[in-house]
Amino acid sequence: QVQLVESGGGLVQAGGSLRLSCVASTSIFSFLTMGWYRQAPGKQRELVARITTSSSTYYADSVKGRFTISRDNPRNTVYLQMNSLKPEDTAVYYCKIDRDDYWGQGTQVTVSS
């Protein structure tokens, strides 16, 4: 099993920004499509954004224009820059390798109004 370590979450006021990081312990990181997911209390886990090996990106409609996913292959890291945060963005955020079902510990994002 690959190790996925998310970090960067915290408490922020509405309109603020956070940058999440996920470090993957794998020798083939540059060949993997990576995704960010989130799960709010009482809700289903949902895909927020994903990035392919060629840096093509996908965003959920709810975060388009506000979130940016990127990757740094030499550092085995995928990022999620979150701007203009809203209270409904409050959730535990996880990164994941697409087509795999291995999850990290997640990082808590709380947006206050």
PDB file of N, CA and C in Angstrom:
ATOM      1  N   GLN A   1       0.821  -1.186   0.000  1.00  0.00           N
ATOM      2  CA  GLN A   1       0.000   0.000   0.000  1.00  0.00           C
ATOM      3  C   GLN A   1       0.870   1.257   0.000  1.00  0.00           C
ATOM      4  N   VAL A   2       0.500   2.219  -0.849  1.00  0.00           N
ATOM      5  CA  VAL A   2       1.217   3.475  -0.910  1.00  0.00           C
ATOM      6  C   VAL A   2       0.819   4.339   0.284  1.00  0.00           C
ATOM      7  N   GLN A   3       1.756   5.136   0.783  1.00  0.00           N
ATOM      8  CA  GLN A   3       1.461   6.079   1.846  1.00  0.00           C
ATOM      9  C   GLN A   3       1.100   7.440   1.266  1.00  0.00           C
ATOM     10  N   LEU A   4       0.005   8.003   1.736  1.00  0.00           N
ATOM     11  CA  LEU A   4      -0.455   9.319   1.321  1.00  0.00           C
ATOM     12  C   LEU A   4      -0.601  10.178   2.566  1.00  0.00           C
ATOM     13  N   VAL A   5       0.098  11.296   2.607  1.00  0.00           N
ATOM     14  CA  VAL A   5       0.098  12.161   3.777  1.00  0.00           C
ATOM     15  C   VAL A   5      -0.380  13.546   3.385  1.00  0.00           C
ATOM     16  N   GLU A   6      -1.579  13.892   3.833  1.00  0.00           N
ATOM     17  CA  GLU A   6      -2.159  15.203   3.556  1.00  0.00           C
ATOM     18  C   GLU A   6      -1.809  16.174   4.680  1.00  0.00           C
ATOM     19  N   SER A   7      -1.674  17.442   4.315  1.00  0.00           N
ATOM     20  CA  SER A   7      -1.407  18.480   5.295  1.00  0.00           C
ATOM     21  C   SER A   7      -1.891  19.821   4.755  1.00  0.00           C
ATOM     22  N   GLY A   8      -1.906  20.820   5.612  1.00  0.00           N
ATOM     23  CA  GLY A   8      -2.238  22.171   5.198  1.00  0.00           C
ATOM     24  C   GLY A   8      -3.613  22.652   5.594  1.00  0.00           C
ATOM     25  N   GLY A   9      -4.427  21.773   6.162  1.00  0.00           N
ATOM     26  CA  GLY A   9      -5.750  22.189   6.584  1.00  0.00           C
ATOM     27  C   GLY A   9      -5.689  23.093   7.800  1.00  0.00           C
ATOM     28  N   GLY A  10      -6.835  23.640   8.137  1.00  0.00           N
ATOM     29  CA  GLY A  10      -6.910  24.523   9.279  1.00  0.00           C
ATOM     30  C   GLY A  10      -8.227  25.252   9.333  1.00  0.00           C
ATOM     31  N   LEU A  11      -8.277  26.241  10.203  1.00  0.00           N
ATOM     32  CA  LEU A  11      -9.460  27.073  10.385  1.00  0.00           C
ATOM     33  C   LEU A  11      -9.248  28.401   9.682  1.00  0.00           C
ATOM     34  N   VAL A  12     -10.198  28.786   8.847  1.00  0.00           N
ATOM     35  CA  VAL A  12     -10.100  30.022   8.097  1.00  0.00           C
ATOM     36  C   VAL A  12     -11.482  30.653   7.992  1.00  0.00           C
ATOM     37  N   GLN A  13     -11.516  31.968   7.916  1.00  0.00           N
ATOM     38  CA  GLN A  13     -12.777  32.670   7.738  1.00  0.00           C
ATOM     39  C   GLN A  13     -13.221  32.626   6.282  1.00  0.00           C
ATOM     40  N   ALA A  14     -14.517  32.740   6.071  1.00  0.00           N
ATOM     41  CA  ALA A  14     -15.057  32.781   4.719  1.00  0.00           C
ATOM     42  C   ALA A  14     -14.345  33.851   3.901  1.00  0.00           C
ATOM     43  N   GLY A  15     -14.005  33.491   2.664  1.00  0.00           N
ATOM     44  CA  GLY A  15     -13.253  34.383   1.798  1.00  0.00           C
ATOM     45  C   GLY A  15     -11.757  34.184   1.857  1.00  0.00           C
ATOM     46  N   GLY A  16     -11.291  33.418   2.812  1.00  0.00           N
ATOM     47  CA  GLY A  16      -9.874  33.179   2.965  1.00  0.00           C
ATOM     48  C   GLY A  16      -9.357  32.079   2.067  1.00  0.00           C
ATOM     49  N   SER A  17      -8.077  31.752   2.239  1.00  0.00           N
ATOM     50  CA  SER A  17      -7.406  30.777   1.392  1.00  0.00           C
ATOM     51  C   SER A  17      -6.623  29.770   2.220  1.00  0.00           C
ATOM     52  N   LEU A  18      -6.477  28.585   1.666  1.00  0.00           N
ATOM     53  CA  LEU A  18      -5.624  27.544   2.215  1.00  0.00           C
ATOM     54  C   LEU A  18      -4.979  26.794   1.064  1.00  0.00           C
ATOM     55  N   ARG A  19      -3.807  26.239   1.313  1.00  0.00           N
ATOM     56  CA  ARG A  19      -3.142  25.386   0.342  1.00  0.00           C
ATOM     57  C   ARG A  19      -2.878  24.033   0.963  1.00  0.00           C
ATOM     58  N   LEU A  20      -3.510  23.008   0.422  1.00  0.00           N
ATOM     59  CA  LEU A  20      -3.330  21.650   0.898  1.00  0.00           C
ATOM     60  C   LEU A  20      -2.218  20.961   0.119  1.00  0.00           C
ATOM     61  N   SER A  21      -1.496  20.085   0.799  1.00  0.00           N
ATOM     62  CA  SER A  21      -0.445  19.300   0.175  1.00  0.00           C
ATOM     63  C   SER A  21      -0.669  17.833   0.446  1.00  0.00           C
ATOM     64  N   CYS A  22      -0.266  17.004  -0.485  1.00  0.00           N
ATOM     65  CA  CYS A  22      -0.319  15.560  -0.318  1.00  0.00           C
ATOM     66  C   CYS A  22       0.971  14.972  -0.855  1.00  0.00           C
ATOM     67  N   VAL A  23       1.712  14.306   0.006  1.00  0.00           N
ATOM     68  CA  VAL A  23       2.948  13.651  -0.383  1.00  0.00           C
ATOM     69  C   VAL A  23       2.685  12.158  -0.503  1.00  0.00           C
ATOM     70  N   ALA A  24       3.024  11.595  -1.642  1.00  0.00           N
ATOM     71  CA  ALA A  24       2.802  10.182  -1.919  1.00  0.00           C
ATOM     72  C   ALA A  24       4.116   9.423  -1.886  1.00  0.00           C
ATOM     73  N   SER A  25       4.139   8.347  -1.128  1.00  0.00           N
ATOM     74  CA  SER A  25       5.325   7.511  -1.034  1.00  0.00           C
ATOM     75  C   SER A  25       5.240   6.410  -2.086  1.00  0.00           C
ATOM     76  N   THR A  26       5.676   6.747  -3.290  1.00  0.00           N
ATOM     77  CA  THR A  26       5.655   5.807  -4.400  1.00  0.00           C
ATOM     78  C   THR A  26       6.712   6.215  -5.411  1.00  0.00           C
ATOM     79  N   SER A  27       7.285   5.235  -6.067  1.00  0.00           N
ATOM     80  CA  SER A  27       8.320   5.501  -7.059  1.00  0.00           C
ATOM     81  C   SER A  27       7.764   5.852  -8.429  1.00  0.00           C
ATOM     82  N   ILE A  28       6.445   5.720  -8.604  1.00  0.00           N
ATOM     83  CA  ILE A  28       5.836   5.970  -9.908  1.00  0.00           C
ATOM     84  C   ILE A  28       4.865   7.134  -9.872  1.00  0.00           C
ATOM     85  N   PHE A  29       5.089   8.079  -8.981  1.00  0.00           N
ATOM     86  CA  PHE A  29       4.164   9.193  -8.797  1.00  0.00           C
ATOM     87  C   PHE A  29       3.891   9.933 -10.099  1.00  0.00           C
ATOM     88  N   SER A  30       4.929  10.178 -10.884  1.00  0.00           N
ATOM     89  CA  SER A  30       4.781  10.970 -12.095  1.00  0.00           C
ATOM     90  C   SER A  30       3.889  10.299 -13.138  1.00  0.00           C
ATOM     91  N   PHE A  31       3.616   9.019 -12.964  1.00  0.00           N
ATOM     92  CA  PHE A  31       2.782   8.278 -13.901  1.00  0.00           C
ATOM     93  C   PHE A  31       1.352   8.078 -13.412  1.00  0.00           C
ATOM     94  N   LEU A  32       0.993   8.730 -12.326  1.00  0.00           N
ATOM     95  CA  LEU A  32      -0.302   8.526 -11.699  1.00  0.00           C
ATOM     96  C   LEU A  32      -1.203   9.733 -11.834  1.00  0.00           C
ATOM     97  N   THR A  33      -2.478   9.474 -12.065  1.00  0.00           N
ATOM     98  CA  THR A  33      -3.497  10.502 -11.946  1.00  0.00           C
ATOM     99  C   THR A  33      -3.894  10.615 -10.475  1.00  0.00           C
ATOM    100  N   MET A  34      -3.904  11.840  -9.964  1.00  0.00           N
ATOM    101  CA  MET A  34      -4.186  12.082  -8.560  1.00  0.00           C
ATOM    102  C   MET A  34      -5.467  12.886  -8.400  1.00  0.00           C
ATOM    103  N   GLY A  35      -6.175  12.628  -7.319  1.00  0.00           N
ATOM    104  CA  GLY A  35      -7.400  13.348  -7.047  1.00  0.00           C
ATOM    105  C   GLY A  35      -7.478  13.838  -5.615  1.00  0.00           C
ATOM    106  N   TRP A  36      -8.206  14.926  -5.430  1.00  0.00           N
ATOM    107  CA  TRP A  36      -8.574  15.421  -4.109  1.00  0.00           C
ATOM    108  C   TRP A  36     -10.057  15.157  -3.899  1.00  0.00           C
ATOM    109  N   TYR A  37     -10.390  14.620  -2.735  1.00  0.00           N
ATOM    110  CA  TYR A  37     -11.757  14.339  -2.335  1.00  0.00           C
ATOM    111  C   TYR A  37     -12.029  15.030  -1.011  1.00  0.00           C
ATOM    112  N   ARG A  38     -13.297  15.183  -0.696  1.00  0.00           N
ATOM    113  CA  ARG A  38     -13.648  15.728   0.606  1.00  0.00           C
ATOM    114  C   ARG A  38     -14.901  15.045   1.131  1.00  0.00           C
ATOM    115  N   GLN A  39     -15.019  15.030   2.446  1.00  0.00           N
ATOM    116  CA  GLN A  39     -16.184  14.465   3.096  1.00  0.00           C
ATOM    117  C   GLN A  39     -16.594  15.365   4.255  1.00  0.00           C
ATOM    118  N   ALA A  40     -17.774  15.945   4.130  1.00  0.00           N
ATOM    119  CA  ALA A  40     -18.339  16.770   5.175  1.00  0.00           C
ATOM    120  C   ALA A  40     -19.136  15.894   6.131  1.00  0.00           C
ATOM    121  N   PRO A  41     -19.327  16.346   7.371  1.00  0.00           N
ATOM    122  CA  PRO A  41     -20.098  15.543   8.326  1.00  0.00           C
ATOM    123  C   PRO A  41     -21.484  15.196   7.796  1.00  0.00           C
ATOM    124  N   GLY A  42     -21.825  13.914   7.856  1.00  0.00           N
ATOM    125  CA  GLY A  42     -23.133  13.465   7.409  1.00  0.00           C
ATOM    126  C   GLY A  42     -23.323  13.408   5.916  1.00  0.00           C
ATOM    127  N   LYS A  43     -22.271  13.632   5.146  1.00  0.00           N
ATOM    128  CA  LYS A  43     -22.385  13.631   3.695  1.00  0.00           C
ATOM    129  C   LYS A  43     -21.454  12.595   3.075  1.00  0.00           C
ATOM    130  N   GLN A  44     -21.743  12.253   1.834  1.00  0.00           N
ATOM    131  CA  GLN A  44     -20.936  11.309   1.081  1.00  0.00           C
ATOM    132  C   GLN A  44     -19.609  11.948   0.683  1.00  0.00           C
ATOM    133  N   ARG A  45     -18.588  11.121   0.575  1.00  0.00           N
ATOM    134  CA  ARG A  45     -17.312  11.608   0.074  1.00  0.00           C
ATOM    135  C   ARG A  45     -17.454  11.954  -1.407  1.00  0.00           C
ATOM    136  N   GLU A  46     -16.898  13.088  -1.815  1.00  0.00           N
ATOM    137  CA  GLU A  46     -17.051  13.545  -3.180  1.00  0.00           C
ATOM    138  C   GLU A  46     -15.717  13.952  -3.788  1.00  0.00           C
ATOM    139  N   LEU A  47     -15.618  13.785  -5.090  1.00  0.00           N
ATOM    140  CA  LEU A  47     -14.437  14.210  -5.834  1.00  0.00           C
ATOM    141  C   LEU A  47     -14.463  15.721  -6.000  1.00  0.00           C
ATOM    142  N   VAL A  48     -13.371  16.372  -5.638  1.00  0.00           N
ATOM    143  CA  VAL A  48     -13.244  17.814  -5.752  1.00  0.00           C
ATOM    144  C   VAL A  48     -12.473  18.203  -7.002  1.00  0.00           C
ATOM    145  N   ALA A  49     -11.341  17.561  -7.235  1.00  0.00           N
ATOM    146  CA  ALA A  49     -10.489  17.872  -8.372  1.00  0.00           C
ATOM    147  C   ALA A  49      -9.571  16.706  -8.652  1.00  0.00           C
ATOM    148  N   ARG A  50      -9.117  16.594  -9.891  1.00  0.00           N
ATOM    149  CA  ARG A  50      -8.111  15.591 -10.229  1.00  0.00           C
ATOM    150  C   ARG A  50      -7.172  16.144 -11.284  1.00  0.00           C
ATOM    151  N   ILE A  51      -5.982  15.567 -11.334  1.00  0.00           N
ATOM    152  CA  ILE A  51      -4.964  15.998 -12.275  1.00  0.00           C
ATOM    153  C   ILE A  51      -4.272  14.777 -12.854  1.00  0.00           C
ATOM    154  N   THR A  52      -4.107  14.769 -14.170  1.00  0.00           N
ATOM    155  CA  THR A  52      -3.513  13.641 -14.858  1.00  0.00           C
ATOM    156  C   THR A  52      -2.003  13.801 -14.949  1.00  0.00           C
ATOM    157  N   THR A  53      -1.368  12.802 -15.557  1.00  0.00           N
ATOM    158  CA  THR A  53       0.078  12.841 -15.739  1.00  0.00           C
ATOM    159  C   THR A  53       0.515  13.970 -16.663  1.00  0.00           C
ATOM    160  N   SER A  54      -0.372  14.396 -17.545  1.00  0.00           N
ATOM    161  CA  SER A  54      -0.077  15.501 -18.450  1.00  0.00           C
ATOM    162  C   SER A  54      -0.613  16.834 -17.936  1.00  0.00           C
ATOM    163  N   SER A  55      -1.041  16.854 -16.678  1.00  0.00           N
ATOM    164  CA  SER A  55      -1.541  18.052 -16.001  1.00  0.00           C
ATOM    165  C   SER A  55      -2.884  18.533 -16.521  1.00  0.00           C
ATOM    166  N   SER A  56      -3.636  17.654 -17.188  1.00  0.00           N
ATOM    167  CA  SER A  56      -5.029  17.965 -17.456  1.00  0.00           C
ATOM    168  C   SER A  56      -5.789  17.921 -16.139  1.00  0.00           C
ATOM    169  N   THR A  57      -6.751  18.811 -15.975  1.00  0.00           N
ATOM    170  CA  THR A  57      -7.440  18.931 -14.698  1.00  0.00           C
ATOM    171  C   THR A  57      -8.946  18.825 -14.844  1.00  0.00           C
ATOM    172  N   TYR A  58      -9.576  18.411 -13.763  1.00  0.00           N
ATOM    173  CA  TYR A  58     -11.023  18.365 -13.628  1.00  0.00           C
ATOM    174  C   TYR A  58     -11.384  18.987 -12.290  1.00  0.00           C
ATOM    175  N   TYR A  59     -12.483  19.737 -12.279  1.00  0.00           N
ATOM    176  CA  TYR A  59     -12.986  20.328 -11.050  1.00  0.00           C
ATOM    177  C   TYR A  59     -14.482  20.102 -10.924  1.00  0.00           C
ATOM    178  N   ALA A  60     -14.914  19.827  -9.722  1.00  0.00           N
ATOM    179  CA  ALA A  60     -16.338  19.822  -9.454  1.00  0.00           C
ATOM    180  C   ALA A  60     -16.899  21.224  -9.666  1.00  0.00           C
ATOM    181  N   ASP A  61     -18.132  21.289 -10.128  1.00  0.00           N
ATOM    182  CA  ASP A  61     -18.743  22.587 -10.400  1.00  0.00           C
ATOM    183  C   ASP A  61     -18.728  23.500  -9.174  1.00  0.00           C
ATOM    184  N   SER A  62     -18.844  22.918  -8.005  1.00  0.00           N
ATOM    185  CA  SER A  62     -18.926  23.705  -6.784  1.00  0.00           C
ATOM    186  C   SER A  62     -17.637  24.451  -6.446  1.00  0.00           C
ATOM    187  N   VAL A  63     -16.513  24.048  -7.049  1.00  0.00           N
ATOM    188  CA  VAL A  63     -15.236  24.679  -6.725  1.00  0.00           C
ATOM    189  C   VAL A  63     -14.567  25.338  -7.917  1.00  0.00           C
ATOM    190  N   LYS A  64     -15.146  25.228  -9.094  1.00  0.00           N
ATOM    191  CA  LYS A  64     -14.559  25.830 -10.290  1.00  0.00           C
ATOM    192  C   LYS A  64     -14.370  27.331 -10.115  1.00  0.00           C
ATOM    193  N   GLY A  65     -13.200  27.801 -10.506  1.00  0.00           N
ATOM    194  CA  GLY A  65     -12.882  29.210 -10.387  1.00  0.00           C
ATOM    195  C   GLY A  65     -12.322  29.596  -9.041  1.00  0.00           C
ATOM    196  N   ARG A  66     -12.396  28.696  -8.065  1.00  0.00           N
ATOM    197  CA  ARG A  66     -11.903  28.982  -6.720  1.00  0.00           C
ATOM    198  C   ARG A  66     -10.731  28.094  -6.320  1.00  0.00           C
ATOM    199  N   PHE A  67     -10.744  26.835  -6.755  1.00  0.00           N
ATOM    200  CA  PHE A  67      -9.707  25.868  -6.390  1.00  0.00           C
ATOM    201  C   PHE A  67      -8.814  25.585  -7.584  1.00  0.00           C
ATOM    202  N   THR A  68      -7.543  25.303  -7.320  1.00  0.00           N
ATOM    203  CA  THR A  68      -6.595  24.927  -8.357  1.00  0.00           C
ATOM    204  C   THR A  68      -5.785  23.729  -7.889  1.00  0.00           C
ATOM    205  N   ILE A  69      -5.800  22.657  -8.676  1.00  0.00           N
ATOM    206  CA  ILE A  69      -4.992  21.490  -8.383  1.00  0.00           C
ATOM    207  C   ILE A  69      -3.714  21.557  -9.213  1.00  0.00           C
ATOM    208  N   SER A  70      -2.605  21.158  -8.620  1.00  0.00           N
ATOM    209  CA  SER A  70      -1.325  21.156  -9.320  1.00  0.00           C
ATOM    210  C   SER A  70      -0.460  20.043  -8.757  1.00  0.00           C
ATOM    211  N   ARG A  71       0.657  19.777  -9.416  1.00  0.00           N
ATOM    212  CA  ARG A  71       1.543  18.726  -8.936  1.00  0.00           C
ATOM    213  C   ARG A  71       2.993  19.113  -9.125  1.00  0.00           C
ATOM    214  N   ASP A  72       3.837  18.570  -8.262  1.00  0.00           N
ATOM    215  CA  ASP A  72       5.278  18.748  -8.308  1.00  0.00           C
ATOM    216  C   ASP A  72       5.875  17.348  -8.288  1.00  0.00           C
ATOM    217  N   ASN A  73       6.144  16.824  -9.469  1.00  0.00           N
ATOM    218  CA  ASN A  73       6.568  15.431  -9.562  1.00  0.00           C
ATOM    219  C   ASN A  73       7.886  15.123  -8.838  1.00  0.00           C
ATOM    220  N   PRO A  74       8.909  15.995  -8.934  1.00  0.00           N
ATOM    221  CA  PRO A  74      10.139  15.683  -8.192  1.00  0.00           C
ATOM    222  C   PRO A  74       9.936  15.566  -6.691  1.00  0.00           C
ATOM    223  N   ARG A  75       8.901  16.214  -6.161  1.00  0.00           N
ATOM    224  CA  ARG A  75       8.615  16.147  -4.731  1.00  0.00           C
ATOM    225  C   ARG A  75       7.495  15.170  -4.394  1.00  0.00           C
ATOM    226  N   ASN A  76       7.009  14.439  -5.385  1.00  0.00           N
ATOM    227  CA  ASN A  76       5.913  13.482  -5.182  1.00  0.00           C
ATOM    228  C   ASN A  76       4.729  14.130  -4.467  1.00  0.00           C
ATOM    229  N   THR A  77       4.410  15.345  -4.867  1.00  0.00           N
ATOM    230  CA  THR A  77       3.406  16.123  -4.153  1.00  0.00           C
ATOM    231  C   THR A  77       2.326  16.646  -5.090  1.00  0.00           C
ATOM    232  N   VAL A  78       1.088  16.550  -4.640  1.00  0.00           N
ATOM    233  CA  VAL A  78      -0.033  17.184  -5.313  1.00  0.00           C
ATOM    234  C   VAL A  78      -0.616  18.230  -4.371  1.00  0.00           C
ATOM    235  N   TYR A  79      -0.983  19.380  -4.920  1.00  0.00           N
ATOM    236  CA  TYR A  79      -1.472  20.499  -4.138  1.00  0.00           C
ATOM    237  C   TYR A  79      -2.921  20.816  -4.495  1.00  0.00           C
ATOM    238  N   LEU A  80      -3.606  21.431  -3.559  1.00  0.00           N
ATOM    239  CA  LEU A  80      -4.915  22.004  -3.815  1.00  0.00           C
ATOM    240  C   LEU A  80      -4.938  23.405  -3.224  1.00  0.00           C
ATOM    241  N   GLN A  81      -4.844  24.401  -4.096  1.00  0.00           N
ATOM    242  CA  GLN A  81      -4.951  25.786  -3.673  1.00  0.00           C
ATOM    243  C   GLN A  81      -6.422  26.151  -3.615  1.00  0.00           C
ATOM    244  N   MET A  82      -6.882  26.579  -2.451  1.00  0.00           N
ATOM    245  CA  MET A  82      -8.287  26.880  -2.232  1.00  0.00           C
ATOM    246  C   MET A  82      -8.427  28.355  -1.889  1.00  0.00           C
ATOM    247  N   ASN A  83      -9.098  29.094  -2.758  1.00  0.00           N
ATOM    248  CA  ASN A  83      -9.344  30.513  -2.560  1.00  0.00           C
ATOM    249  C   ASN A  83     -10.836  30.768  -2.409  1.00  0.00           C
ATOM    250  N   SER A  84     -11.162  31.936  -1.907  1.00  0.00           N
ATOM    251  CA  SER A  84     -12.562  32.338  -1.730  1.00  0.00           C
ATOM    252  C   SER A  84     -13.367  31.254  -1.030  1.00  0.00           C
ATOM    253  N   LEU A  85     -12.832  30.756   0.057  1.00  0.00           N
ATOM    254  CA  LEU A  85     -13.450  29.634   0.752  1.00  0.00           C
ATOM    255  C   LEU A  85     -14.807  30.007   1.323  1.00  0.00           C
ATOM    256  N   LYS A  86     -15.699  29.027   1.296  1.00  0.00           N
ATOM    257  CA  LYS A  86     -17.058  29.178   1.795  1.00  0.00           C
ATOM    258  C   LYS A  86     -17.295  28.192   2.932  1.00  0.00           C
ATOM    259  N   PRO A  87     -18.242  28.481   3.823  1.00  0.00           N
ATOM    260  CA  PRO A  87     -18.537  27.528   4.890  1.00  0.00           C
ATOM    261  C   PRO A  87     -18.872  26.131   4.378  1.00  0.00           C
ATOM    262  N   GLU A  88     -19.498  26.024   3.221  1.00  0.00           N
ATOM    263  CA  GLU A  88     -19.836  24.720   2.670  1.00  0.00           C
ATOM    264  C   GLU A  88     -18.625  23.931   2.186  1.00  0.00           C
ATOM    265  N   ASP A  89     -17.443  24.553   2.166  1.00  0.00           N
ATOM    266  CA  ASP A  89     -16.214  23.838   1.864  1.00  0.00           C
ATOM    267  C   ASP A  89     -15.679  23.077   3.073  1.00  0.00           C
ATOM    268  N   THR A  90     -16.263  23.288   4.228  1.00  0.00           N
ATOM    269  CA  THR A  90     -15.824  22.609   5.442  1.00  0.00           C
ATOM    270  C   THR A  90     -15.945  21.099   5.276  1.00  0.00           C
ATOM    271  N   ALA A  91     -14.842  20.393   5.479  1.00  0.00           N
ATOM    272  CA  ALA A  91     -14.812  18.946   5.284  1.00  0.00           C
ATOM    273  C   ALA A  91     -13.420  18.437   5.640  1.00  0.00           C
ATOM    274  N   VAL A  92     -13.302  17.123   5.702  1.00  0.00           N
ATOM    275  CA  VAL A  92     -11.996  16.489   5.720  1.00  0.00           C
ATOM    276  C   VAL A  92     -11.595  16.244   4.276  1.00  0.00           C
ATOM    277  N   TYR A  93     -10.421  16.696   3.911  1.00  0.00           N
ATOM    278  CA  TYR A  93      -9.935  16.573   2.545  1.00  0.00           C
ATOM    279  C   TYR A  93      -8.908  15.456   2.452  1.00  0.00           C
ATOM    280  N   TYR A  94      -9.076  14.611   1.450  1.00  0.00           N
ATOM    281  CA  TYR A  94      -8.204  13.470   1.211  1.00  0.00           C
ATOM    282  C   TYR A  94      -7.639  13.522  -0.199  1.00  0.00           C
ATOM    283  N   CYS A  95      -6.421  13.036  -0.373  1.00  0.00           N
ATOM    284  CA  CYS A  95      -5.941  12.795  -1.727  1.00  0.00           C
ATOM    285  C   CYS A  95      -5.951  11.299  -1.996  1.00  0.00           C
ATOM    286  N   LYS A  96      -5.996  10.944  -3.270  1.00  0.00           N
ATOM    287  CA  LYS A  96      -6.091   9.548  -3.640  1.00  0.00           C
ATOM    288  C   LYS A  96      -5.549   9.338  -5.037  1.00  0.00           C
ATOM    289  N   ILE A  97      -4.970   8.180  -5.239  1.00  0.00           N
ATOM    290  CA  ILE A  97      -4.560   7.754  -6.575  1.00  0.00           C
ATOM    291  C   ILE A  97      -5.787   7.223  -7.288  1.00  0.00           C
ATOM    292  N   ASP A  98      -6.071   7.749  -8.455  1.00  0.00           N
ATOM    293  CA  ASP A  98      -7.220   7.266  -9.207  1.00  0.00           C
ATOM    294  C   ASP A  98      -7.078   5.794  -9.519  1.00  0.00           C
ATOM    295  N   ARG A  99      -8.202   5.088  -9.458  1.00  0.00           N
ATOM    296  CA  ARG A  99      -8.304   3.652  -9.700  1.00  0.00           C
ATOM    297  C   ARG A  99      -7.788   2.811  -8.534  1.00  0.00           C
ATOM    298  N   ASP A 100      -7.230   3.440  -7.511  1.00  0.00           N
ATOM    299  CA  ASP A 100      -6.865   2.756  -6.286  1.00  0.00           C
ATOM    300  C   ASP A 100      -7.821   3.148  -5.175  1.00  0.00           C
ATOM    301  N   ASP A 101      -7.872   2.343  -4.128  1.00  0.00           N
ATOM    302  CA  ASP A 101      -8.756   2.621  -3.005  1.00  0.00           C
ATOM    303  C   ASP A 101      -7.950   2.758  -1.715  1.00  0.00           C
ATOM    304  N   TYR A 102      -6.818   3.433  -1.812  1.00  0.00           N
ATOM    305  CA  TYR A 102      -5.973   3.698  -0.659  1.00  0.00           C
ATOM    306  C   TYR A 102      -6.090   5.166  -0.277  1.00  0.00           C
ATOM    307  N   TRP A 103      -6.422   5.411   0.973  1.00  0.00           N
ATOM    308  CA  TRP A 103      -6.653   6.761   1.468  1.00  0.00           C
ATOM    309  C   TRP A 103      -5.641   7.138   2.535  1.00  0.00           C
ATOM    310  N   GLY A 104      -5.288   8.415   2.550  1.00  0.00           N
ATOM    311  CA  GLY A 104      -4.472   8.939   3.623  1.00  0.00           C
ATOM    312  C   GLY A 104      -5.324   9.249   4.837  1.00  0.00           C
ATOM    313  N   GLN A 105      -4.739   9.943   5.802  1.00  0.00           N
ATOM    314  CA  GLN A 105      -5.465  10.268   7.029  1.00  0.00           C
ATOM    315  C   GLN A 105      -6.390  11.471   6.869  1.00  0.00           C
ATOM    316  N   GLY A 106      -6.199  12.231   5.812  1.00  0.00           N
ATOM    317  CA  GLY A 106      -7.000  13.413   5.568  1.00  0.00           C
ATOM    318  C   GLY A 106      -6.520  14.612   6.359  1.00  0.00           C
ATOM    319  N   THR A 107      -6.978  15.787   5.955  1.00  0.00           N
ATOM    320  CA  THR A 107      -6.673  17.017   6.674  1.00  0.00           C
ATOM    321  C   THR A 107      -7.951  17.843   6.785  1.00  0.00           C
ATOM    322  N   GLN A 108      -8.215  18.335   7.982  1.00  0.00           N
ATOM    323  CA  GLN A 108      -9.462  19.034   8.268  1.00  0.00           C
ATOM    324  C   GLN A 108      -9.399  20.473   7.779  1.00  0.00           C
ATOM    325  N   VAL A 109     -10.423  20.873   7.039  1.00  0.00           N
ATOM    326  CA  VAL A 109     -10.603  22.258   6.617  1.00  0.00           C
ATOM    327  C   VAL A 109     -11.907  22.760   7.216  1.00  0.00           C
ATOM    328  N   THR A 110     -11.825  23.825   7.982  1.00  0.00           N
ATOM    329  CA  THR A 110     -13.006  24.418   8.592  1.00  0.00           C
ATOM    330  C   THR A 110     -13.086  25.883   8.192  1.00  0.00           C
ATOM    331  N   VAL A 111     -14.195  26.257   7.578  1.00  0.00           N
ATOM    332  CA  VAL A 111     -14.417  27.626   7.120  1.00  0.00           C
ATOM    333  C   VAL A 111     -15.546  28.217   7.948  1.00  0.00           C
ATOM    334  N   SER A 112     -15.240  29.265   8.670  1.00  0.00           N
ATOM    335  CA  SER A 112     -16.224  29.899   9.529  1.00  0.00           C
ATOM    336  C   SER A 112     -16.860  31.094   8.829  1.00  0.00           C
ATOM    337  N   SER A 113     -18.089  31.385   9.206  1.00  0.00           N
ATOM    338  CA  SER A 113     -18.795  32.550   8.682  1.00  0.00           C
ATOM    339  C   SER A 113     -18.888  33.637   9.729  1.00  0.00           C
TER     340      SER A 113
END
